[in-house]
Structure formats: structure tokens, C-alpha cells
């Protein structure tokens, strides 16, 4: 199954950070914060402007990004967690 985002939306594969602290303590799922880091796996065609042209997307497939905490919609496909969100919810590209 392939996800193809529409408009100015992107699909991100959520990246879970380590589940163990540096001191070796395991953190239970109930105490963990949701990750805000992911890898872009699909990009929509861009927002349609009033002129009819498409706005260029600032991210591309393969970029690792940070996104706003409560943004987007969570989707699980074949036991992989994805998030579909608007490109405006992307805060930064990790280089």
C-alpha cells in the first residue's frame, strides 16, 4: 500500500528515539512523549495558488524533519506508524 498525499501535505515515517536513558533506565510507553521527528516518505504536488500555479514544496523525500507537537493525523500501515501533515507544520529540516 502506498500513501500519496494531496496538496501541500506530506507523509512522514515517525522516528522513535531510544527507549532507554543514558543511565540505562527503560522508559515505559505511558511515560514517553510522542516523537516529533520523522523522515519524509512522500510529498504532495504543492498548494495551488490563486494564479493556478503550484507552490514549490520546501521538503523532499528522504529529508529528516522536526514537526509541531500536536500536528497531523496518525496513520498505521502494515505495522509502520506514519503521520500525514501539512508542510506548514514542519518546523525544521535536520541536516
C-alpha atoms as a PDB file:
ATOM      1  CA  UNK A   1       0.000   0.000   0.000  1.00  0.00           C
ATOM      2  CA  UNK A   2       1.318   3.432  -0.962  1.00  0.00           C
ATOM      3  CA  UNK A   3       0.248   6.735   0.550  1.00  0.00           C
ATOM      4  CA  UNK A   4       0.077   9.651  -1.895  1.00  0.00           C
ATOM      5  CA  UNK A   5      -0.526  12.994  -0.143  1.00  0.00           C
ATOM      6  CA  UNK A   6      -2.641  15.697  -1.747  1.00  0.00           C
ATOM      7  CA  UNK A   7      -1.991  19.444  -1.975  1.00  0.00           C
ATOM      8  CA  UNK A   8       0.620  20.757   0.424  1.00  0.00           C
ATOM      9  CA  UNK A   9       0.626  17.653   2.632  1.00  0.00           C
ATOM     10  CA  UNK A  10       3.489  15.269   3.308  1.00  0.00           C
ATOM     11  CA  UNK A  11       3.739  11.757   4.745  1.00  0.00           C
ATOM     12  CA  UNK A  12       6.318  11.217   7.476  1.00  0.00           C
ATOM     13  CA  UNK A  13       7.585   7.933   8.890  1.00  0.00           C
ATOM     14  CA  UNK A  14       7.817   8.576  12.623  1.00  0.00           C
ATOM     15  CA  UNK A  15      11.293   8.043  14.094  1.00  0.00           C
ATOM     16  CA  UNK A  16      11.232   6.742  17.675  1.00  0.00           C
ATOM     17  CA  UNK A  17      14.141   7.867  19.799  1.00  0.00           C
ATOM     18  CA  UNK A  18      15.844   5.447  22.163  1.00  0.00           C
ATOM     19  CA  UNK A  19      13.574   3.904  24.768  1.00  0.00           C
ATOM     20  CA  UNK A  20      16.385   3.832  27.325  1.00  0.00           C
ATOM     21  CA  UNK A  21      18.076   6.757  29.084  1.00  0.00           C
ATOM     22  CA  UNK A  22      21.843   7.196  29.068  1.00  0.00           C
ATOM     23  CA  UNK A  23      21.903   5.805  32.607  1.00  0.00           C
ATOM     24  CA  UNK A  24      20.292   2.575  31.364  1.00  0.00           C
ATOM     25  CA  UNK A  25      16.776   3.195  32.669  1.00  0.00           C
ATOM     26  CA  UNK A  26      13.994   1.946  30.392  1.00  0.00           C
ATOM     27  CA  UNK A  27      11.112   4.357  29.900  1.00  0.00           C
ATOM     28  CA  UNK A  28       7.613   2.800  29.718  1.00  0.00           C
ATOM     29  CA  UNK A  29       5.360   3.732  26.780  1.00  0.00           C
ATOM     30  CA  UNK A  30       2.943   5.519  29.109  1.00  0.00           C
ATOM     31  CA  UNK A  31       5.651   7.948  30.255  1.00  0.00           C
ATOM     32  CA  UNK A  32       7.202   8.678  26.864  1.00  0.00           C
ATOM     33  CA  UNK A  33       6.471  11.844  24.922  1.00  0.00           C
ATOM     34  CA  UNK A  34       5.339  11.385  21.363  1.00  0.00           C
ATOM     35  CA  UNK A  35       8.245  11.780  18.950  1.00  0.00           C
ATOM     36  CA  UNK A  36       8.412  14.936  16.887  1.00  0.00           C
ATOM     37  CA  UNK A  37      10.995  13.678  14.429  1.00  0.00           C
ATOM     38  CA  UNK A  38      10.402  11.830  11.197  1.00  0.00           C
ATOM     39  CA  UNK A  39      11.589  11.031   7.709  1.00  0.00           C
ATOM     40  CA  UNK A  40       9.636  12.313   4.723  1.00  0.00           C
ATOM     41  CA  UNK A  41       8.445   9.352   2.622  1.00  0.00           C
ATOM     42  CA  UNK A  42       6.010  11.129   0.275  1.00  0.00           C
ATOM     43  CA  UNK A  43       5.352  14.728  -0.780  1.00  0.00           C
ATOM     44  CA  UNK A  44       2.210  16.185  -2.343  1.00  0.00           C
ATOM     45  CA  UNK A  45       2.260  18.293  -5.514  1.00  0.00           C
ATOM     46  CA  UNK A  46       2.062  21.576  -3.570  1.00  0.00           C
ATOM     47  CA  UNK A  47      -0.593  24.149  -2.772  1.00  0.00           C
ATOM     48  CA  UNK A  48      -2.441  25.622  -5.749  1.00  0.00           C
ATOM     49  CA  UNK A  49      -2.015  29.399  -5.796  1.00  0.00           C
ATOM     50  CA  UNK A  50      -4.679  31.894  -6.976  1.00  0.00           C
ATOM     51  CA  UNK A  51      -2.766  32.176 -10.263  1.00  0.00           C
ATOM     52  CA  UNK A  52      -3.261  28.434 -10.851  1.00  0.00           C
ATOM     53  CA  UNK A  53       0.427  27.623 -10.382  1.00  0.00           C
ATOM     54  CA  UNK A  54       1.672  25.156  -7.759  1.00  0.00           C
ATOM     55  CA  UNK A  55       3.745  26.419  -4.835  1.00  0.00           C
ATOM     56  CA  UNK A  56       7.109  24.634  -4.555  1.00  0.00           C
ATOM     57  CA  UNK A  57       7.430  22.270  -1.595  1.00  0.00           C
ATOM     58  CA  UNK A  58      10.248  23.076   0.850  1.00  0.00           C
ATOM     59  CA  UNK A  59      10.889  19.434   1.767  1.00  0.00           C
ATOM     60  CA  UNK A  60      11.655  16.389  -0.345  1.00  0.00           C
ATOM     61  CA  UNK A  61      11.513  12.635   0.110  1.00  0.00           C
ATOM     62  CA  UNK A  62      14.334  11.470   2.381  1.00  0.00           C
ATOM     63  CA  UNK A  63      14.550  14.673   4.469  1.00  0.00           C
ATOM     64  CA  UNK A  64      14.562  14.196   8.241  1.00  0.00           C
ATOM     65  CA  UNK A  65      12.343  16.830   9.850  1.00  0.00           C
ATOM     66  CA  UNK A  66      11.057  18.150  13.163  1.00  0.00           C
ATOM     67  CA  UNK A  67       7.340  18.896  13.262  1.00  0.00           C
ATOM     68  CA  UNK A  68       4.880  20.624  15.581  1.00  0.00           C
ATOM     69  CA  UNK A  69       3.883  18.540  18.609  1.00  0.00           C
ATOM     70  CA  UNK A  70       0.139  18.106  18.039  1.00  0.00           C
ATOM     71  CA  UNK A  71       0.050  18.401  14.248  1.00  0.00           C
ATOM     72  CA  UNK A  72      -1.104  15.989  11.605  1.00  0.00           C
ATOM     73  CA  UNK A  73      -3.024  12.743  11.538  1.00  0.00           C
ATOM     74  CA  UNK A  74      -1.551   9.439  12.734  1.00  0.00           C
ATOM     75  CA  UNK A  75      -1.896   6.510  10.339  1.00  0.00           C
ATOM     76  CA  UNK A  76      -0.650   2.928  10.744  1.00  0.00           C
ATOM     77  CA  UNK A  77       0.027   0.957   7.549  1.00  0.00           C
ATOM     78  CA  UNK A  78       1.410  -2.584   7.725  1.00  0.00           C
ATOM     79  CA  UNK A  79       2.521  -2.022  11.355  1.00  0.00           C
ATOM     80  CA  UNK A  80       4.507   1.108  10.450  1.00  0.00           C
ATOM     81  CA  UNK A  81       3.485   4.400  12.054  1.00  0.00           C
ATOM     82  CA  UNK A  82       3.123   7.370   9.696  1.00  0.00           C
ATOM     83  CA  UNK A  83       1.927  10.921  10.154  1.00  0.00           C
ATOM     84  CA  UNK A  84       0.212  12.959   7.427  1.00  0.00           C
ATOM     85  CA  UNK A  85       0.618  16.690   7.934  1.00  0.00           C
ATOM     86  CA  UNK A  86       0.736  19.986   6.138  1.00  0.00           C
ATOM     87  CA  UNK A  87       4.166  21.233   5.123  1.00  0.00           C
ATOM     88  CA  UNK A  88       3.499  24.376   7.223  1.00  0.00           C
ATOM     89  CA  UNK A  89       3.644  22.156  10.356  1.00  0.00           C
ATOM     90  CA  UNK A  90       7.281  21.265   9.621  1.00  0.00           C
ATOM     91  CA  UNK A  91       9.489  23.326  11.919  1.00  0.00           C
ATOM     92  CA  UNK A  92      12.930  22.407  10.588  1.00  0.00           C
ATOM     93  CA  UNK A  93      14.916  20.064   8.369  1.00  0.00           C
ATOM     94  CA  UNK A  94      17.606  18.103  10.258  1.00  0.00           C
ATOM     95  CA  UNK A  95      20.915  18.166   8.399  1.00  0.00           C
END
